[in-house]
Amino acid sequence: MNIALWIAQGVLALVYLAAGGLMVVRPREELVASGNFDWMEDSSDAGVKAVGLVVVQIGALRVHLARDERRPLRANVVLLLAAFAAAARFPG
């Protein structure tokens, strides 16, 4: 079972790397023209980055809570609030 899990994780990693790599390399206009990213016309880069920051901070909070690390928790809460405020400004 452990080997099957590693294989599944490796396949998932390759799929996400391929999809993400294409989005990093292709210009914004080409992504919008493909028809799969129509939402990019209505949103700013800052809003998308803010949402990404929120996701990262939620993960950081979870790790610090699981490890019972209280000291960095305050900084994560402040950064999470800042990211939430930025994401709330996301147009739409």
C-alpha atoms as a PDB file:
ATOM      1  CA  MET A   1       0.000   0.000   0.000  1.00  0.00           C
ATOM      2  CA  ASN A   2       2.847   2.375   0.807  1.00  0.00           C
ATOM      3  CA  ILE A   3       4.377   1.982  -2.661  1.00  0.00           C
ATOM      4  CA  ALA A   4       1.008   2.598  -4.324  1.00  0.00           C
ATOM      5  CA  LEU A   5       0.608   5.760  -2.257  1.00  0.00           C
ATOM      6  CA  TRP A   6       4.034   7.031  -3.328  1.00  0.00           C
ATOM      7  CA  ILE A   7       3.241   6.315  -6.969  1.00  0.00           C
ATOM      8  CA  ALA A   8      -0.101   8.141  -6.716  1.00  0.00           C
ATOM      9  CA  GLN A   9       1.583  11.126  -5.070  1.00  0.00           C
ATOM     10  CA  GLY A  10       4.277  11.194  -7.748  1.00  0.00           C
ATOM     11  CA  VAL A  11       1.694  11.167 -10.534  1.00  0.00           C
ATOM     12  CA  LEU A  12      -0.273  13.957  -8.836  1.00  0.00           C
ATOM     13  CA  ALA A  13       2.893  16.027  -8.419  1.00  0.00           C
ATOM     14  CA  LEU A  14       3.746  15.653 -12.102  1.00  0.00           C
ATOM     15  CA  VAL A  15       0.224  16.598 -13.198  1.00  0.00           C
ATOM     16  CA  TYR A  16       0.179  19.715 -11.011  1.00  0.00           C
ATOM     17  CA  LEU A  17       3.701  20.700 -12.085  1.00  0.00           C
ATOM     18  CA  ALA A  18       2.769  20.385 -15.758  1.00  0.00           C
ATOM     19  CA  ALA A  19      -0.448  22.384 -15.379  1.00  0.00           C
ATOM     20  CA  GLY A  20       1.125  25.041 -13.180  1.00  0.00           C
ATOM     21  CA  GLY A  21       4.212  25.295 -15.363  1.00  0.00           C
ATOM     22  CA  LEU A  22       2.097  26.015 -18.420  1.00  0.00           C
ATOM     23  CA  MET A  23       0.278  28.791 -16.564  1.00  0.00           C
ATOM     24  CA  VAL A  24       3.534  30.365 -15.432  1.00  0.00           C
ATOM     25  CA  VAL A  25       5.113  30.309 -18.898  1.00  0.00           C
ATOM     26  CA  ARG A  26       2.131  31.350 -21.037  1.00  0.00           C
ATOM     27  CA  PRO A  27       1.238  35.062 -21.226  1.00  0.00           C
ATOM     28  CA  ARG A  28      -1.968  36.281 -19.583  1.00  0.00           C
ATOM     29  CA  GLU A  29      -3.574  37.140 -22.949  1.00  0.00           C
ATOM     30  CA  GLU A  30      -2.956  33.631 -24.261  1.00  0.00           C
ATOM     31  CA  LEU A  31      -4.517  32.077 -21.156  1.00  0.00           C
ATOM     32  CA  VAL A  32      -7.633  34.249 -21.526  1.00  0.00           C
ATOM     33  CA  ALA A  33      -7.857  33.426 -25.239  1.00  0.00           C
ATOM     34  CA  SER A  34      -7.836  29.695 -24.448  1.00  0.00           C
ATOM     35  CA  GLY A  35     -11.315  30.073 -22.933  1.00  0.00           C
ATOM     36  CA  ASN A  36     -10.483  28.364 -19.645  1.00  0.00           C
ATOM     37  CA  PHE A  37      -9.441  31.505 -17.798  1.00  0.00           C
ATOM     38  CA  ASP A  38     -12.152  34.040 -18.632  1.00  0.00           C
ATOM     39  CA  TRP A  39     -12.172  35.171 -14.997  1.00  0.00           C
ATOM     40  CA  MET A  40      -8.709  36.696 -15.554  1.00  0.00           C
ATOM     41  CA  GLU A  41     -10.276  39.532 -17.547  1.00  0.00           C
ATOM     42  CA  ASP A  42     -12.308  40.620 -14.517  1.00  0.00           C
ATOM     43  CA  SER A  43      -9.685  40.316 -11.794  1.00  0.00           C
ATOM     44  CA  SER A  44      -6.414  41.971 -10.981  1.00  0.00           C
ATOM     45  CA  ASP A  45      -3.136  40.228 -10.298  1.00  0.00           C
ATOM     46  CA  ALA A  46      -3.141  41.680  -6.780  1.00  0.00           C
ATOM     47  CA  GLY A  47      -6.457  40.042  -5.948  1.00  0.00           C
ATOM     48  CA  VAL A  48      -5.305  36.639  -7.142  1.00  0.00           C
ATOM     49  CA  LYS A  49      -2.059  36.990  -5.183  1.00  0.00           C
ATOM     50  CA  ALA A  50      -4.034  37.968  -2.075  1.00  0.00           C
ATOM     51  CA  VAL A  51      -6.156  34.841  -2.332  1.00  0.00           C
ATOM     52  CA  GLY A  52      -2.983  32.761  -2.678  1.00  0.00           C
ATOM     53  CA  LEU A  53      -1.560  34.427   0.426  1.00  0.00           C
ATOM     54  CA  VAL A  54      -4.724  33.566   2.346  1.00  0.00           C
ATOM     55  CA  VAL A  55      -4.329  29.901   1.397  1.00  0.00           C
ATOM     56  CA  VAL A  56      -0.667  29.884   2.465  1.00  0.00           C
ATOM     57  CA  GLN A  57      -1.464  31.557   5.793  1.00  0.00           C
ATOM     58  CA  ILE A  58      -4.249  29.083   6.537  1.00  0.00           C
ATOM     59  CA  GLY A  59      -1.746  26.285   5.990  1.00  0.00           C
ATOM     60  CA  ALA A  60       0.801  28.000   8.239  1.00  0.00           C
ATOM     61  CA  LEU A  61      -1.793  28.446  10.975  1.00  0.00           C
ATOM     62  CA  ARG A  62      -2.707  24.777  10.794  1.00  0.00           C
ATOM     63  CA  VAL A  63       0.922  23.668  11.079  1.00  0.00           C
ATOM     64  CA  HIS A  64       1.638  25.953  14.043  1.00  0.00           C
ATOM     65  CA  LEU A  65      -1.505  24.804  15.836  1.00  0.00           C
ATOM     66  CA  ALA A  66      -0.707  21.134  15.217  1.00  0.00           C
ATOM     67  CA  ARG A  67       2.815  21.606  16.596  1.00  0.00           C
ATOM     68  CA  ASP A  68       1.524  23.635  19.548  1.00  0.00           C
ATOM     69  CA  GLU A  69       3.728  26.582  18.561  1.00  0.00           C
ATOM     70  CA  ARG A  70       2.052  29.609  20.095  1.00  0.00           C
ATOM     71  CA  ARG A  71       4.724  32.265  19.509  1.00  0.00           C
ATOM     72  CA  PRO A  72       4.507  32.501  15.673  1.00  0.00           C
ATOM     73  CA  LEU A  73       0.744  32.113  15.848  1.00  0.00           C
ATOM     74  CA  ARG A  74       0.176  35.832  16.489  1.00  0.00           C
ATOM     75  CA  ALA A  75       2.151  36.825  13.388  1.00  0.00           C
ATOM     76  CA  ASN A  76       0.192  34.334  11.301  1.00  0.00           C
ATOM     77  CA  VAL A  77      -3.098  35.726  12.568  1.00  0.00           C
ATOM     78  CA  VAL A  78      -2.036  39.285  11.688  1.00  0.00           C
ATOM     79  CA  LEU A  79      -0.864  38.233   8.220  1.00  0.00           C
ATOM     80  CA  LEU A  80      -4.052  36.242   7.714  1.00  0.00           C
ATOM     81  CA  LEU A  81      -6.142  39.298   8.605  1.00  0.00           C
ATOM     82  CA  ALA A  82      -4.129  41.445   6.191  1.00  0.00           C
ATOM     83  CA  ALA A  83      -4.574  38.870   3.445  1.00  0.00           C
ATOM     84  CA  PHE A  84      -8.291  38.658   4.185  1.00  0.00           C
ATOM     85  CA  ALA A  85      -8.614  42.442   3.900  1.00  0.00           C
ATOM     86  CA  ALA A  86      -6.794  42.388   0.563  1.00  0.00           C
ATOM     87  CA  ALA A  87      -8.885  39.489  -0.716  1.00  0.00           C
ATOM     88  CA  ALA A  88     -12.074  41.277   0.318  1.00  0.00           C
ATOM     89  CA  ARG A  89     -11.119  43.990  -2.160  1.00  0.00           C
ATOM     90  CA  PHE A  90     -11.115  41.387  -4.934  1.00  0.00           C
ATOM     91  CA  PRO A  91     -13.368  42.839  -7.640  1.00  0.00           C
ATOM     92  CA  GLY A  92     -16.518  41.012  -8.430  1.00  0.00           C
END
